[in-house]
Amino acid sequence: MTGVLALIAGWALLLVLAAALIAAVGLASRRILLGRAGGTVECGLRATQATAWRLGLAAYQLNQLQWYSAFGLRLRPNEVFDRRSMSVLARRPAAQTEAASIGAGTVVVECQAGWDGNGLAAAEPEPEPRTVELAMSEEALTGFLSWLESAPPGHLSGLS
């Protein structure tokens, strides 16, 4: 009887390890696919001060900033921000309490971000812009600010 239980436990452990390996390979493959087009940086996202930081990747597109969660298998962005309606309100170094979840040496950028308009019917009014916080390295912040500044003519980025 003990031998049968040990055999079942061994197979169960093997299945758990195989599932963990498949998940790790899936996450790594997704990260490679998202980064293949270029213009991606590691970027944390927090919608409000009351919510927790979510780790992920930001991908710069021509007119959008696409944000992907780090822990997921979706190849579609979790959040999409319109470049024309995005402006920087403030920036600050990450607080010591935040550094545990988003990393030391990270810069937090508070942005006012509009919606990309996808999924809105023509008769629907555009939703109000919202404030989000992005957490990134100093180097990634330089790239983000350059991306905002290089917007097409007629766009005021509100950089500070």
Protein backbone atom coordinates (compact mmCIF):
# COMPACT_ATOMS: atom_id res chain seq x y z
CA MET A 1 0.00 0.00 0.00
CA THR A 2 2.84 2.38 0.85
CA GLY A 3 4.49 1.66 -2.49
CA VAL A 4 1.31 2.58 -4.38
CA LEU A 5 1.01 5.90 -2.48
CA ALA A 6 4.65 6.69 -3.18
CA LEU A 7 4.11 5.94 -6.87
CA ILE A 8 1.03 8.20 -7.01
CA ALA A 9 2.89 10.96 -5.17
CA GLY A 10 5.82 10.62 -7.57
CA TRP A 11 3.57 10.92 -10.63
CA ALA A 12 1.72 13.87 -9.09
CA LEU A 13 5.01 15.65 -8.44
CA LEU A 14 6.13 14.91 -11.99
CA LEU A 15 2.89 16.38 -13.38
CA VAL A 16 3.27 19.54 -11.26
CA LEU A 17 6.86 20.00 -12.45
CA ALA A 18 5.85 19.44 -16.08
CA ALA A 19 3.04 22.01 -15.75
CA ALA A 20 5.46 24.53 -14.21
CA LEU A 21 7.95 23.92 -17.02
CA ILE A 22 5.27 24.38 -19.69
CA ALA A 23 4.12 27.64 -18.04
CA ALA A 24 7.70 28.96 -17.86
CA VAL A 25 8.34 28.11 -21.51
CA GLY A 26 5.04 29.77 -22.46
CA LEU A 27 5.89 32.99 -20.58
CA ALA A 28 9.41 33.10 -22.03
CA SER A 29 8.11 32.50 -25.57
CA ARG A 30 5.52 35.24 -25.15
CA ARG A 31 8.17 37.68 -23.93
CA ILE A 32 10.34 36.88 -26.96
CA LEU A 33 7.39 37.31 -29.35
CA LEU A 34 6.41 40.67 -27.81
CA GLY A 35 9.97 41.95 -27.88
CA ARG A 36 10.67 40.78 -31.42
CA ALA A 37 9.10 43.88 -33.02
CA GLY A 38 11.29 46.16 -30.90
CA GLY A 39 10.25 49.17 -28.88
CA THR A 40 9.40 47.26 -25.70
CA VAL A 41 10.54 48.06 -22.17
CA GLU A 42 9.79 46.64 -18.76
CA CYS A 43 7.15 48.85 -17.21
CA GLY A 44 4.98 48.64 -14.10
CA LEU A 45 1.44 50.03 -14.18
CA ARG A 46 -0.81 51.30 -11.41
CA ALA A 47 -4.21 52.75 -12.22
CA THR A 48 -4.73 54.49 -8.86
CA GLN A 49 -2.76 54.99 -5.66
CA ALA A 50 -5.05 52.48 -3.95
CA THR A 51 -4.23 49.59 -6.27
CA ALA A 52 -1.15 47.40 -6.35
CA TRP A 53 1.55 47.67 -9.00
CA ARG A 54 1.23 45.31 -11.96
CA LEU A 55 4.45 44.28 -13.67
CA GLY A 56 4.59 44.14 -17.43
CA LEU A 57 5.95 45.38 -20.72
CA ALA A 58 5.20 48.59 -22.56
CA ALA A 59 5.37 48.51 -26.35
CA TYR A 60 5.68 51.71 -28.34
CA GLN A 61 3.53 51.78 -31.45
CA LEU A 62 3.05 54.64 -33.89
CA ASN A 63 0.01 56.15 -32.12
CA GLN A 64 -0.36 53.99 -29.03
CA LEU A 65 1.40 52.79 -25.93
CA GLN A 66 0.42 49.15 -25.46
CA TRP A 67 0.90 47.60 -22.04
CA TYR A 68 1.11 43.82 -21.55
CA SER A 69 0.96 42.03 -18.22
CA ALA A 70 4.15 40.12 -17.40
CA PHE A 71 2.19 37.14 -16.12
CA GLY A 72 -0.17 35.97 -18.79
CA LEU A 73 -0.25 34.18 -22.10
CA ARG A 74 -2.32 36.75 -24.03
CA LEU A 75 -0.64 38.26 -27.05
CA ARG A 76 -3.06 41.20 -27.03
CA PRO A 77 -2.34 44.21 -24.80
CA ASN A 78 -4.08 44.53 -21.45
CA GLU A 79 -4.11 48.33 -21.68
CA VAL A 80 -3.83 50.67 -24.68
CA PHE A 81 -3.19 54.40 -24.34
CA ASP A 82 -3.56 56.91 -27.14
CA ARG A 83 -0.33 58.82 -27.75
CA ARG A 84 -2.09 62.07 -28.66
CA SER A 85 -4.01 62.23 -25.40
CA MET A 86 -1.14 61.14 -23.13
CA SER A 87 0.70 63.71 -21.05
CA VAL A 88 3.16 63.57 -18.16
CA LEU A 89 1.87 65.21 -14.99
CA ALA A 90 4.76 64.44 -12.61
CA ARG A 91 7.68 62.14 -12.04
CA ARG A 92 9.45 60.95 -8.91
CA PRO A 93 11.79 58.24 -7.69
CA ALA A 94 10.00 55.14 -6.43
CA ALA A 95 9.31 55.22 -2.71
CA GLN A 96 11.13 52.69 -0.56
CA THR A 97 7.87 50.78 -0.01
CA GLU A 98 7.25 50.63 -3.77
CA ALA A 99 10.78 49.50 -4.61
CA ALA A 100 10.04 46.06 -3.15
CA SER A 101 7.44 45.40 -5.86
CA ILE A 102 8.73 47.43 -8.84
CA GLY A 103 12.49 47.39 -8.24
CA ALA A 104 15.10 49.70 -6.82
CA GLY A 105 16.17 52.68 -8.92
CA THR A 106 12.82 52.85 -10.66
CA VAL A 107 11.21 56.13 -11.66
CA VAL A 108 7.45 56.58 -11.29
CA VAL A 109 5.77 58.75 -13.93
CA GLU A 110 2.25 60.01 -13.33
CA CYS A 111 0.45 60.40 -16.65
CA GLN A 112 -2.92 61.53 -17.83
CA ALA A 113 -3.92 59.00 -20.43
CA GLY A 114 -6.79 58.94 -22.85
CA TRP A 115 -8.34 55.91 -24.43
CA ASP A 116 -7.42 54.65 -27.86
CA GLY A 117 -11.02 54.74 -29.09
CA ASN A 118 -11.06 51.05 -30.03
CA GLY A 119 -14.36 49.44 -29.27
CA LEU A 120 -16.31 52.69 -29.01
CA ALA A 121 -19.38 53.05 -31.15
CA ALA A 122 -19.55 56.23 -33.24
CA ALA A 123 -22.43 57.62 -31.15
CA GLU A 124 -20.70 57.03 -27.81
CA PRO A 125 -18.94 59.97 -26.19
CA GLU A 126 -15.23 59.52 -25.57
CA PRO A 127 -14.54 58.60 -21.92
CA GLU A 128 -12.75 61.09 -19.69
CA PRO A 129 -8.96 60.74 -19.51
CA ARG A 130 -7.66 58.93 -16.47
CA THR A 131 -4.52 59.18 -14.39
CA VAL A 132 -2.15 56.22 -14.39
CA GLU A 133 1.31 55.68 -12.99
CA LEU A 134 4.05 53.99 -14.98
CA ALA A 135 7.18 52.64 -13.29
CA MET A 136 10.31 52.21 -15.39
CA SER A 137 14.06 52.54 -15.32
CA GLU A 138 15.74 55.89 -15.92
CA GLU A 139 16.82 54.70 -19.39
CA ALA A 140 13.30 53.57 -20.27
CA LEU A 141 11.95 56.92 -19.06
CA THR A 142 14.28 58.71 -21.49
CA GLY A 143 12.89 56.59 -24.32
CA PHE A 144 9.30 57.15 -23.17
CA LEU A 145 9.74 60.93 -23.05
CA SER A 146 11.40 60.90 -26.48
CA TRP A 147 8.50 58.87 -27.87
CA LEU A 148 6.01 61.38 -26.46
CA GLU A 149 8.00 64.39 -27.71
CA SER A 150 8.30 62.98 -31.22
CA ALA A 151 4.54 62.89 -31.63
CA PRO A 152 3.12 64.30 -34.87
CA PRO A 153 2.78 68.11 -35.16
CA GLY A 154 -0.13 69.67 -33.32
CA HIS A 155 0.17 67.37 -30.32
CA LEU A 156 0.95 68.95 -26.96
CA SER A 157 2.51 66.36 -24.69
CA GLY A 158 2.47 68.44 -21.53
CA LEU A 159 5.96 67.35 -20.49
CA SER A 160 7.26 68.76 -17.26
